[in-house]
Amino acid sequence: MDFERPPTELERNCFYHGLPSQPKLVARSSLTPFRYNVDDPWSSDRKTLAVAGEHAIASTWNNEPSTLKHQILGILTQQNVDWQAIDILRIGYEDEEKPLIVSISVLTDTLPWKTGNQVARDCRKALVEHGLDDVHCEIKESKLVNLSSSFAVHQQDAHNYPPTYQSYMYQLSDQLGTAIASKDQPRREGTKGIYLHRIGSEPAEIFALTCRHVCYSSSEKGNRLPEENTLPSKPVIQSPEKTHNKTVHQLEIFRDKAVAAIHHAEQKQEACNVDLSSSIARLQGETNAANDMLQYFYRRTSLSSRIIGEVAYTSDYVVRTSKCLSDWCLIRLKADSHERRLSDVSNRVYIGGGDLKSRFPGREPTIIIQDLQDDQTIRIQGIVTVSELQDPRQERIVGTRGQRSGLTFGIVNNVKSVTRRVFDRELVSQECCIVADGDNASRAFTQPGNSGACVFDLAGRAVGMVTSGISRDNMLVGGDDYGLDVAVDVTYATPMEWLLADMKACGVPMEIL
């Protein structure tokens, strides 16, 4: 590639081969050769994302006022670029040293190559002026997306059901990471986040945190705050429609297969004169367990039977002093709709095993979850400060349990990302950027449906709340997207420190339960 010609169609389509959503390249400032095996695409070298780590750009970009950040934003404004996000990440081939890239995401077909090429070169010039000669600029087609997807509950503490059934019953538990939605939009699903307590209020008044966009559409404007109440409350349900129907369907299939297996075993036992009583007994136990679990869901067919609380507080979309976007919603929990008394509720996330060697095979020593409880949950207590998240000397592995992705792990980038959203006005905000762990880089850290999920570190401290991510902005030819439409390359989370400060500024001082 040279600066006088646009990338070839192959380079444009396959430059990011290996990234979860495989976005399309618009322009880049580097002349690094592009590698791709046309004859055998599956054997082609794959690209991955990695955090910036110790590099001069971290302080140059993070510390305010940032002249470099101001310059790059000015370049985008001058060229009238409809940009979505700016990430400072290492992007390169697996098992090779990855160059540091200022990665700019733009909407599909909004930036011609000629303009994009000029932007990339101007950004590169700004980087060199700041002494960052080893940093280049790349522009790709990606979209900033919110990660929402389009009762009395069962006691979960002891996990009395075998692990096979855990994923089903989890959706009826009071643990973090379950699917929720507003009752008026039961198919717009998000994730129930961390439990909070309002400072100075009654001990039994507990709130669940999620994203505003999980409960309210962008057309529903206004605040629901102590000093300004211009937005109506609404009930919130757990196990919304898609999750509820999918779980019931899966349990019915599981039960029906067990019944068919019993019938087959009984026929074989009679025809072949063999004793299969132990197998039949085991299958009968599975059938009974599935039927028992189905009853919990059958009794919650109506949406009203799944209400867990109602929206108490939420701020309109705005960027305050922390420069993060206010996209939070506090749900006041209903006292009689949870596993236990609200005074006994705690922030528990089901992990399912303390030894994570299988998840991080390349790491020594083996990664260990600290303070894992007897029921295989970790309790979230305390917070990770923003200064810790930006410390380049320490790689910070974090986890989350989203209603769509389940339990996943990633790494926090120590350089803040910048995003741009256009509502009735333009809002530019800062984000905590998370990428998949290097040994699992082909997997996304989150998926649509994870909005509101709590991000935690391995010591059991709250890092932040999942809000959005960078994903593919278009489908592949023929409509077969191979899952790329839900693949999220980069996840954005609002740090818990910023969230608590933002709530306090709104007159709602909160603390982690």
Protein backbone atom coordinates (compact mmCIF):
# COMPACT_ATOMS: atom_id res chain seq x y z
CA MET A 1 0.00 0.00 0.00
CA ASP A 2 1.14 3.58 -0.67
CA PHE A 3 -0.38 6.94 0.14
CA GLU A 4 -1.30 7.59 -3.50
CA ARG A 5 -3.83 4.79 -3.86
CA PRO A 6 -6.69 3.39 -1.79
CA PRO A 7 -6.48 -0.11 -0.31
CA THR A 8 -7.42 -2.94 -2.64
CA GLU A 9 -10.81 -4.59 -2.16
CA LEU A 10 -9.08 -7.57 -0.55
CA GLU A 11 -7.10 -5.37 1.82
CA ARG A 12 -10.18 -3.33 2.69
CA ASN A 13 -12.24 -6.43 3.51
CA CYS A 14 -9.58 -8.60 5.15
CA PHE A 15 -7.11 -6.19 6.78
CA TYR A 16 -8.68 -6.93 10.19
CA HIS A 17 -9.02 -10.67 9.67
CA GLY A 18 -9.11 -12.22 13.15
CA LEU A 19 -10.97 -9.47 14.98
CA PRO A 20 -14.40 -10.61 16.23
CA SER A 21 -16.41 -8.39 13.86
CA GLN A 22 -13.80 -8.15 11.05
CA PRO A 23 -14.43 -4.46 10.26
CA LYS A 24 -13.49 -2.89 6.93
CA LEU A 25 -10.41 -0.71 6.52
CA VAL A 26 -10.89 2.86 5.27
CA ALA A 27 -7.35 4.27 5.43
CA ARG A 28 -4.11 4.01 7.41
CA SER A 29 -0.92 5.99 7.88
CA SER A 30 1.47 3.03 7.94
CA LEU A 31 3.00 1.15 5.01
CA THR A 32 3.20 -2.16 6.86
CA PRO A 33 2.64 -4.99 4.35
CA PHE A 34 -0.80 -6.58 4.43
CA ARG A 35 -0.79 -10.39 4.67
CA TYR A 36 -3.65 -12.65 3.64
CA ASN A 37 -3.69 -16.12 2.05
CA VAL A 38 -6.34 -15.96 -0.66
CA ASP A 39 -5.94 -19.66 -1.51
CA ASP A 40 -6.41 -20.77 2.09
CA PRO A 41 -8.13 -18.03 4.14
CA TRP A 42 -8.43 -20.23 7.25
CA SER A 43 -4.64 -20.46 7.47
CA SER A 44 -4.15 -16.71 7.12
CA ASP A 45 -2.44 -14.84 9.94
CA ARG A 46 -5.01 -13.37 12.30
CA LYS A 47 -4.98 -9.97 13.94
CA THR A 48 -5.74 -9.36 17.60
CA LEU A 49 -6.19 -6.43 19.96
CA ALA A 50 -4.00 -5.76 22.98
CA VAL A 51 -3.82 -2.98 25.57
CA ALA A 52 -1.41 -0.07 25.18
CA GLY A 53 0.66 -0.85 28.28
CA GLU A 54 3.67 1.27 29.23
CA HIS A 55 4.03 3.91 26.53
CA ALA A 56 4.42 7.68 26.46
CA ILE A 57 1.04 8.09 24.77
CA ALA A 58 -0.75 7.02 27.97
CA SER A 59 0.05 10.19 29.93
CA THR A 60 -0.03 12.38 26.81
CA TRP A 61 -3.59 11.22 26.06
CA ASN A 62 -5.03 10.61 29.54
CA ASN A 63 -3.84 13.72 31.38
CA GLU A 64 -6.05 16.75 30.95
CA PRO A 65 -5.78 19.07 29.19
CA SER A 66 -4.51 16.81 26.41
CA THR A 67 -3.14 18.79 23.45
CA LEU A 68 -2.86 15.60 21.38
CA LYS A 69 -6.48 14.62 22.00
CA HIS A 70 -7.59 18.16 21.18
CA GLN A 71 -5.59 18.10 17.92
CA ILE A 72 -7.04 14.79 16.75
CA LEU A 73 -10.60 15.82 17.61
CA GLY A 74 -9.94 19.05 15.71
CA ILE A 75 -8.76 17.11 12.64
CA LEU A 76 -11.97 15.05 12.66
CA THR A 77 -14.09 18.17 13.04
CA GLN A 78 -12.22 20.02 10.28
CA GLN A 79 -12.82 17.16 7.84
CA ASN A 80 -16.45 16.76 9.00
CA VAL A 81 -15.91 13.09 9.88
CA ASP A 82 -18.95 11.23 11.26
CA TRP A 83 -16.77 9.37 13.76
CA GLN A 84 -17.96 6.96 16.42
CA ALA A 85 -14.98 6.25 18.67
CA ILE A 86 -11.24 6.66 19.14
CA ASP A 87 -9.30 3.82 20.77
CA ILE A 88 -5.58 3.69 21.57
CA LEU A 89 -4.74 0.00 21.23
CA ARG A 90 -2.11 -2.38 19.94
CA ILE A 91 -3.39 -4.04 16.76
CA GLY A 92 -1.30 -6.66 15.03
CA TYR A 93 -0.80 -10.27 14.09
CA GLU A 94 -0.88 -13.04 16.68
CA ASP A 95 2.48 -14.05 18.18
CA GLU A 96 4.13 -10.87 16.90
CA GLU A 97 4.90 -7.52 18.49
CA LYS A 98 1.83 -5.37 17.91
CA PRO A 99 2.20 -1.71 16.92
CA LEU A 100 0.34 0.96 18.85
CA ILE A 101 -2.53 2.40 16.81
CA VAL A 102 -4.86 5.37 17.13
CA SER A 103 -7.92 3.50 15.87
CA ILE A 104 -10.77 5.68 14.62
CA SER A 105 -14.19 4.12 13.96
CA VAL A 106 -16.53 5.68 11.40
CA LEU A 107 -19.93 4.66 10.03
CA THR A 108 -20.10 2.64 6.83
CA ASP A 109 -19.77 4.57 3.55
CA THR A 110 -19.52 7.95 5.28
CA LEU A 111 -15.81 8.61 4.70
CA PRO A 112 -14.27 8.46 1.20
CA TRP A 113 -10.75 7.08 1.01
CA LYS A 114 -9.28 10.41 -0.10
CA THR A 115 -10.60 12.22 2.97
CA GLY A 116 -9.82 9.27 5.23
CA ASN A 117 -6.27 9.13 3.92
CA GLN A 118 -5.80 12.82 4.69
CA VAL A 119 -7.20 12.35 8.20
CA ALA A 120 -4.90 9.39 8.87
CA ARG A 121 -1.85 11.33 7.65
CA ASP A 122 -2.80 14.45 9.65
CA CYS A 123 -3.26 12.36 12.80
CA ARG A 124 0.10 10.69 12.17
CA LYS A 125 1.70 14.14 11.83
CA ALA A 126 0.19 15.19 15.18
CA LEU A 127 1.55 12.03 16.81
CA VAL A 128 5.05 12.68 15.47
CA GLU A 129 4.90 16.28 16.71
CA HIS A 130 4.36 14.87 20.20
CA GLY A 131 7.35 12.57 19.89
CA LEU A 132 5.20 9.46 19.31
CA ASP A 133 7.00 8.31 16.17
CA ASP A 134 6.09 4.64 16.69
CA VAL A 135 2.32 5.25 16.75
CA HIS A 136 0.21 5.17 13.58
CA CYS A 137 -3.42 5.93 12.74
CA GLU A 138 -5.96 3.54 11.23
CA ILE A 139 -9.55 4.29 10.25
CA LYS A 140 -12.10 1.49 10.02
CA GLU A 141 -15.84 1.09 9.50
CA SER A 142 -17.39 0.22 12.85
CA LYS A 143 -20.39 1.36 14.82
CA LEU A 144 -20.78 2.40 18.45
CA VAL A 145 -23.65 0.27 19.77
CA ASN A 146 -25.48 0.08 23.06
CA LEU A 147 -25.27 -3.46 24.38
CA SER A 148 -28.93 -4.00 25.17
CA SER A 149 -30.50 -6.76 23.02
CA SER A 150 -33.22 -6.16 20.84
CA PHE A 151 -41.73 -12.76 41.05
CA ALA A 152 -40.83 -15.03 43.66
CA VAL A 153 -37.65 -16.71 42.56
CA HIS A 154 -35.98 -19.99 43.30
CA GLN A 155 -33.39 -20.35 46.04
CA GLN A 156 -30.04 -20.55 44.28
CA ASP A 157 -27.51 -20.39 47.11
CA ALA A 158 -26.49 -24.02 47.36
CA HIS A 159 -26.81 -24.75 43.63
CA ASN A 160 -28.69 -27.92 44.54
CA TYR A 161 -29.28 -28.69 40.89
CA PRO A 162 -26.37 -30.26 39.00
CA PRO A 163 -24.20 -27.88 36.91
CA THR A 164 -26.17 -28.96 33.82
CA TYR A 165 -29.16 -26.98 35.11
CA GLN A 166 -27.32 -23.99 36.56
CA SER A 167 -27.71 -21.79 33.48
CA TYR A 168 -31.48 -22.26 33.54
CA MET A 169 -32.09 -21.48 37.20
CA TYR A 170 -29.57 -18.64 37.24
CA GLN A 171 -32.10 -16.46 35.42
CA LEU A 172 -34.41 -16.70 38.45
CA SER A 173 -31.74 -15.93 41.04
CA ASP A 174 -30.89 -12.68 42.81
CA GLN A 175 -27.28 -12.93 41.65
CA LEU A 176 -25.75 -10.40 39.28
CA GLY A 177 -25.78 -10.93 35.54
CA THR A 178 -29.38 -12.01 34.98
CA ALA A 179 -31.53 -10.73 32.11
CA ILE A 180 -33.84 -7.78 32.78
CA ALA A 181 -36.06 -5.43 30.77
CA SER A 182 -38.68 -2.77 31.32
CA LYS A 183 -42.18 -4.24 31.45
CA ASP A 184 -43.35 -2.03 28.57
CA GLN A 185 -40.48 -3.24 26.32
CA PRO A 186 -39.97 -6.87 27.41
CA ARG A 187 -37.90 -7.79 24.34
CA ARG A 188 -35.30 -5.02 24.79
CA GLU A 189 -33.10 -6.93 27.19
CA GLY A 190 -30.16 -5.87 29.29
CA THR A 191 -28.34 -7.17 32.34
CA LYS A 192 -28.96 -6.63 36.04
CA GLY A 193 -25.86 -4.96 37.45
CA ILE A 194 -24.46 -4.33 40.89
CA TYR A 195 -26.63 -3.72 43.96
CA LEU A 196 -26.32 -0.31 45.63
CA HIS A 197 -27.63 1.30 48.80
CA ARG A 198 -28.53 4.97 49.06
CA ILE A 199 -26.42 6.61 51.73
CA GLY A 200 -28.61 7.70 54.63
CA SER A 201 -31.66 5.63 53.62
CA GLU A 202 -33.23 2.56 55.21
CA PRO A 203 -30.99 -0.55 55.13
CA ALA A 204 -33.65 -2.58 53.31
CA GLU A 205 -33.94 -0.05 50.46
CA ILE A 206 -31.80 -1.67 47.79
CA PHE A 207 -31.23 -0.60 44.18
CA ALA A 208 -30.02 -2.56 41.17
CA LEU A 209 -27.89 -0.68 38.65
CA THR A 210 -28.30 -0.95 34.89
CA CYS A 211 -28.05 1.33 31.85
CA ARG A 212 -30.66 3.95 31.12
CA HIS A 213 -30.96 2.66 27.54
CA VAL A 214 -32.06 -0.74 28.89
CA CYS A 215 -35.18 0.82 30.43
CA TYR A 216 -35.80 3.89 28.27
CA SER A 217 -35.57 4.49 24.53
CA SER A 218 -33.71 7.52 23.19
CA SER A 219 -37.06 9.20 22.47
CA GLU A 220 -38.01 9.11 26.18
CA LYS A 221 -36.38 12.28 27.48
CA GLY A 222 -36.10 13.83 30.92
CA ASN A 223 -34.73 13.09 34.37
CA ARG A 224 -36.00 11.11 37.30
CA LEU A 225 -34.01 12.71 40.11
CA PRO A 226 -34.76 14.26 43.52
CA GLU A 227 -34.55 17.82 42.14
CA GLU A 228 -36.10 17.15 38.72
CA ASN A 229 -38.75 14.52 38.11
CA THR A 230 -39.79 14.85 34.47
CA LEU A 231 -39.72 11.18 33.51
CA PRO A 232 -42.26 8.56 34.63
CA SER A 233 -41.15 5.46 36.47
CA LYS A 234 -41.76 2.03 35.01
CA PRO A 235 -41.70 -1.54 36.36
CA VAL A 236 -38.72 -3.75 35.54
CA ILE A 237 -38.93 -7.50 34.99
CA GLN A 238 -36.38 -10.29 35.35
CA SER A 239 -36.30 -13.14 32.82
CA PRO A 240 -37.77 -11.03 29.98
CA GLU A 241 -39.56 -12.47 26.96
CA LYS A 242 -36.67 -13.71 24.81
CA THR A 243 -34.80 -15.16 27.77
CA HIS A 244 -37.94 -16.65 29.32
CA ASN A 245 -39.15 -18.29 26.10
CA LYS A 246 -35.68 -19.56 25.19
CA THR A 247 -35.17 -21.09 28.63
CA VAL A 248 -38.57 -22.81 28.61
CA HIS A 249 -37.93 -24.14 25.09
CA GLN A 250 -34.52 -25.53 26.05
CA LEU A 251 -35.86 -27.18 29.20
CA GLU A 252 -38.74 -28.76 27.29
CA ILE A 253 -36.31 -30.16 24.70
CA PHE A 254 -34.06 -31.47 27.49
CA ARG A 255 -37.04 -33.14 29.20
CA ASP A 256 -38.45 -34.61 25.99
CA LYS A 257 -35.07 -36.12 25.07
CA ALA A 258 -34.85 -37.71 28.52
CA VAL A 259 -38.38 -39.15 28.15
CA ALA A 260 -37.50 -40.55 24.71
CA ALA A 261 -34.30 -42.05 26.12
CA ILE A 262 -36.30 -43.74 28.91
CA HIS A 263 -38.68 -45.23 26.36
CA HIS A 264 -35.76 -46.49 24.26
CA ALA A 265 -34.00 -47.98 27.31
CA GLU A 266 -37.17 -49.75 28.46
CA GLN A 267 -37.65 -51.28 25.00
CA LYS A 268 -34.02 -52.39 24.87
CA GLN A 269 -34.20 -53.84 28.37
CA GLU A 270 -37.22 -55.92 27.45
CA ALA A 271 -35.97 -57.00 24.02
CA CYS A 272 -32.39 -57.83 25.00
CA ASN A 273 -33.04 -59.04 28.53
CA VAL A 274 -30.45 -56.65 30.00
CA ASP A 275 -30.64 -54.68 33.22
CA LEU A 276 -30.79 -50.96 32.43
CA SER A 277 -32.57 -49.98 35.64
CA SER A 278 -29.76 -47.66 36.81
CA SER A 279 -29.76 -45.79 33.49
CA ILE A 280 -33.55 -45.55 33.52
CA ALA A 281 -33.47 -44.23 37.09
CA ARG A 282 -30.90 -41.59 36.14
CA LEU A 283 -32.95 -40.50 33.13
CA GLN A 284 -36.09 -40.40 35.25
CA GLY A 285 -34.27 -38.15 37.69
CA GLU A 286 -33.33 -35.81 34.84
CA THR A 287 -36.94 -35.77 33.65
CA ASN A 288 -38.23 -34.94 37.12
CA ALA A 289 -35.63 -32.20 37.58
CA ALA A 290 -36.53 -30.62 34.24
CA ASN A 291 -40.24 -30.76 35.08
CA ASP A 292 -39.58 -29.19 38.49
CA MET A 293 -37.65 -26.34 36.90
CA LEU A 294 -40.28 -25.82 34.22
CA GLN A 295 -42.89 -25.25 36.90
CA TYR A 296 -40.95 -22.20 38.14
CA PHE A 297 -41.13 -20.70 34.64
CA TYR A 298 -44.72 -21.81 33.89
CA ARG A 299 -45.87 -19.97 37.04
CA ARG A 300 -44.30 -16.81 35.65
CA THR A 301 -45.97 -16.68 32.26
CA SER A 302 -47.39 -13.19 32.83
CA LEU A 303 -45.01 -10.24 32.81
CA SER A 304 -46.46 -8.95 36.08
CA SER A 305 -45.33 -12.11 37.84
CA ARG A 306 -41.72 -11.29 36.89
CA ILE A 307 -41.54 -7.72 38.21
CA ILE A 308 -38.53 -7.25 40.51
CA GLY A 309 -38.79 -3.50 41.06
CA GLU A 310 -39.33 -0.13 39.42
CA VAL A 311 -37.13 2.66 38.13
CA ALA A 312 -36.37 5.08 40.96
CA TYR A 313 -33.66 7.33 39.51
CA THR A 314 -32.09 8.04 36.15
CA SER A 315 -30.32 10.99 34.56
CA ASP A 316 -30.81 12.22 31.03
CA TYR A 317 -27.84 11.72 28.71
CA VAL A 318 -25.26 14.34 29.65
CA VAL A 319 -21.49 14.60 30.15
CA ARG A 320 -20.56 16.00 33.57
CA THR A 321 -17.23 16.78 35.27
CA SER A 322 -15.89 13.21 35.03
CA LYS A 323 -16.36 13.49 31.24
CA CYS A 324 -18.22 10.17 31.16
CA LEU A 325 -21.69 9.82 29.71
CA SER A 326 -24.55 9.56 32.19
CA ASP A 327 -26.20 6.32 31.06
CA TRP A 328 -27.31 4.79 34.33
CA CYS A 329 -30.61 3.74 35.84
CA LEU A 330 -31.35 2.73 39.43
CA ILE A 331 -34.09 0.16 40.03
CA ARG A 332 -35.65 0.12 43.51
CA LEU A 333 -36.11 -3.55 44.32
CA LYS A 334 -39.50 -4.94 45.27
CA ALA A 335 -39.26 -6.59 48.68
CA ASP A 336 -41.23 -9.78 47.98
CA SER A 337 -39.72 -10.67 44.60
CA HIS A 338 -36.30 -12.04 45.47
CA GLU A 339 -34.62 -15.12 46.88
CA ARG A 340 -34.20 -13.66 50.33
CA ARG A 341 -35.00 -10.58 52.38
CA LEU A 342 -33.54 -7.50 50.77
CA SER A 343 -31.47 -6.93 53.90
CA ASP A 344 -29.71 -10.23 53.11
CA VAL A 345 -29.08 -9.61 49.40
CA SER A 346 -25.43 -9.29 48.38
CA ASN A 347 -23.45 -8.77 45.18
CA ARG A 348 -22.70 -12.33 44.12
CA VAL A 349 -21.53 -13.52 40.71
CA TYR A 350 -21.49 -17.22 39.87
CA ILE A 351 -18.00 -18.23 38.73
CA GLY A 352 -18.14 -22.02 38.78
CA GLY A 353 -14.56 -22.78 39.70
CA GLY A 354 -11.56 -21.10 41.28
CA ASP A 355 -8.87 -22.55 39.01
CA LEU A 356 -8.98 -20.64 35.73
CA LYS A 357 -6.10 -22.46 34.08
CA SER A 358 -8.38 -23.66 31.28
CA ARG A 359 -9.41 -20.06 30.55
CA PHE A 360 -5.87 -18.67 30.64
CA PRO A 361 -3.72 -21.58 29.38
CA GLY A 362 -0.71 -19.44 28.56
CA ARG A 363 -0.37 -17.81 31.94
CA GLU A 364 1.96 -18.70 34.79
CA PRO A 365 1.20 -18.87 37.60
CA THR A 366 -2.36 -20.07 37.19
CA ILE A 367 -4.93 -17.29 37.57
CA ILE A 368 -6.89 -17.69 40.79
CA ILE A 369 -10.16 -16.02 41.73
CA GLN A 370 -9.72 -14.70 45.26
CA ASP A 371 -12.27 -15.36 48.03
CA LEU A 372 -14.43 -17.78 46.04
CA GLN A 373 -17.43 -18.80 48.16
CA ASP A 374 -18.59 -22.35 48.85
CA ASP A 375 -21.43 -21.90 46.35
CA GLN A 376 -18.88 -21.04 43.63
CA THR A 377 -19.75 -17.33 43.68
CA ILE A 378 -17.52 -14.35 44.20
CA ARG A 379 -18.84 -11.44 46.27
CA ILE A 380 -18.20 -7.99 44.82
CA GLN A 381 -16.99 -5.52 47.46
CA GLY A 382 -15.13 -2.23 47.08
CA ILE A 383 -14.09 -0.53 43.84
CA VAL A 384 -11.07 -0.26 41.57
CA THR A 385 -10.13 3.41 41.25
CA VAL A 386 -9.66 5.11 37.89
CA SER A 387 -6.00 5.75 38.72
CA GLU A 388 -5.50 2.00 39.15
CA LEU A 389 -7.19 1.32 35.81
CA GLN A 390 -4.80 3.72 34.09
CA ASP A 391 -1.65 2.30 35.71
CA PRO A 392 0.40 0.88 32.79
CA ARG A 393 2.62 -1.16 35.10
CA GLN A 394 -0.10 -3.65 35.98
CA GLU A 395 -2.13 -5.76 33.57
CA ARG A 396 -5.64 -5.77 35.00
CA ILE A 397 -7.66 -8.87 34.17
CA VAL A 398 -11.38 -8.33 34.67
CA GLY A 399 -14.49 -10.46 34.40
CA THR A 400 -18.16 -9.95 33.78
CA ARG A 401 -21.28 -12.08 33.64
CA GLY A 402 -23.72 -10.78 31.08
CA GLN A 403 -27.10 -12.31 30.37
CA ARG A 404 -26.07 -12.97 26.76
CA SER A 405 -22.38 -13.85 26.95
CA GLY A 406 -22.25 -15.64 30.29
CA LEU A 407 -18.96 -15.43 32.19
CA THR A 408 -16.11 -13.85 30.22
CA PHE A 409 -12.72 -12.30 30.98
CA GLY A 410 -10.76 -9.48 29.40
CA ILE A 411 -8.08 -6.86 30.00
CA VAL A 412 -8.57 -3.16 30.75
CA ASN A 413 -6.75 -0.79 28.41
CA ASN A 414 -4.84 1.80 30.44
CA VAL A 415 -5.52 4.53 27.84
CA LYS A 416 -9.00 6.02 27.88
CA SER A 417 -11.14 5.82 24.75
CA VAL A 418 -13.26 8.66 23.40
CA THR A 419 -16.74 8.16 21.93
CA ARG A 420 -19.19 10.41 20.11
CA ARG A 421 -22.96 10.10 20.26
CA VAL A 422 -25.50 12.29 18.54
CA PHE A 423 -28.88 12.62 20.25
CA ASP A 424 -30.53 16.03 19.92
CA ARG A 425 -26.98 17.30 20.46
CA GLU A 426 -23.47 15.90 20.10
CA LEU A 427 -21.98 14.30 23.22
CA VAL A 428 -18.27 13.40 23.35
CA SER A 429 -17.35 11.30 26.37
CA GLN A 430 -14.50 9.24 27.79
CA GLU A 431 -14.74 5.49 28.29
CA CYS A 432 -12.91 2.65 29.98
CA CYS A 433 -11.89 0.32 27.14
CA ILE A 434 -11.77 -3.48 27.59
CA VAL A 435 -10.52 -6.07 25.09
CA ALA A 436 -10.62 -9.85 25.20
CA ASP A 437 -7.74 -11.57 26.95
CA GLY A 438 -4.82 -12.31 24.64
CA ASP A 439 -5.27 -16.08 24.94
CA ASN A 440 -8.95 -15.75 24.01
CA ALA A 441 -8.67 -12.80 21.63
CA SER A 442 -10.97 -14.25 18.98
CA ARG A 443 -13.81 -14.12 21.51
CA ALA A 444 -15.57 -10.89 22.36
CA PHE A 445 -15.60 -9.71 25.98
CA THR A 446 -19.30 -8.86 25.70
CA GLN A 447 -22.29 -9.23 23.39
CA PRO A 448 -25.52 -7.30 22.80
CA GLY A 449 -27.68 -7.93 25.85
CA ASN A 450 -24.86 -7.23 28.32
CA SER A 451 -25.67 -3.56 28.94
CA GLY A 452 -25.64 -2.97 32.69
CA ALA A 453 -23.40 -5.92 33.56
CA CYS A 454 -20.96 -5.41 36.41
CA VAL A 455 -17.25 -5.62 35.53
CA PHE A 456 -15.08 -6.87 38.40
CA ASP A 457 -11.44 -7.70 39.00
CA LEU A 458 -10.12 -11.01 40.31
CA ALA A 459 -9.97 -9.62 43.85
CA GLY A 460 -13.75 -9.15 43.78
CA ARG A 461 -13.79 -5.36 43.41
CA ALA A 462 -16.19 -3.48 41.14
CA VAL A 463 -14.50 -1.99 38.08
CA GLY A 464 -17.49 -0.52 36.29
CA MET A 465 -20.64 -1.12 34.25
CA VAL A 466 -20.82 -2.33 30.64
CA THR A 467 -22.54 0.24 28.43
CA SER A 468 -21.58 -0.12 24.78
CA GLY A 469 -19.05 -1.40 22.30
CA ILE A 470 -17.62 -1.20 18.80
CA SER A 471 -19.20 -3.64 16.38
CA ARG A 472 -19.66 -4.27 12.68
CA ASP A 473 -21.83 -1.70 10.94
CA ASN A 474 -22.99 -3.82 8.00
CA MET A 475 -23.90 -7.36 7.01
CA LEU A 476 -21.93 -9.55 4.66
CA VAL A 477 -23.12 -9.99 1.08
CA GLY A 478 -26.05 -12.40 0.88
CA GLY A 479 -27.22 -11.71 4.41
CA ASP A 480 -25.08 -14.46 5.97
CA ASP A 481 -23.21 -12.56 8.66
CA TYR A 482 -21.58 -15.57 10.38
CA GLY A 483 -22.38 -13.91 13.70
CA LEU A 484 -20.38 -10.78 12.84
CA ASP A 485 -23.42 -8.58 13.43
CA VAL A 486 -23.28 -9.35 17.16
CA ALA A 487 -19.49 -9.52 17.49
CA VAL A 488 -18.04 -6.75 19.66
CA ASP A 489 -14.36 -5.92 19.11
CA VAL A 490 -14.04 -3.41 21.94
CA THR A 491 -16.20 -3.07 25.05
CA TYR A 492 -16.80 0.21 26.85
CA ALA A 493 -17.55 0.40 30.55
CA THR A 494 -18.16 3.37 32.81
CA PRO A 495 -15.81 3.11 35.82
CA MET A 496 -17.61 2.60 39.13
CA GLU A 497 -15.77 5.58 40.63
CA TRP A 498 -17.20 7.84 37.92
CA LEU A 499 -20.68 6.34 38.27
CA LEU A 500 -20.85 6.95 42.02
CA ALA A 501 -19.55 10.51 41.57
CA ASP A 502 -22.13 11.17 38.84
CA MET A 503 -24.98 9.85 41.00
CA LYS A 504 -23.82 12.01 43.91
CA ALA A 505 -23.78 15.06 41.62
CA CYS A 506 -27.41 14.25 40.78
CA GLY A 507 -28.40 14.21 44.46
CA VAL A 508 -28.42 10.42 44.74
CA PRO A 509 -25.38 9.42 46.86
CA MET A 510 -24.88 5.67 46.60
CA GLU A 511 -22.53 3.03 47.95
CA ILE A 512 -21.92 -0.58 46.99
CA LEU A 513 -24.02 -2.97 49.03
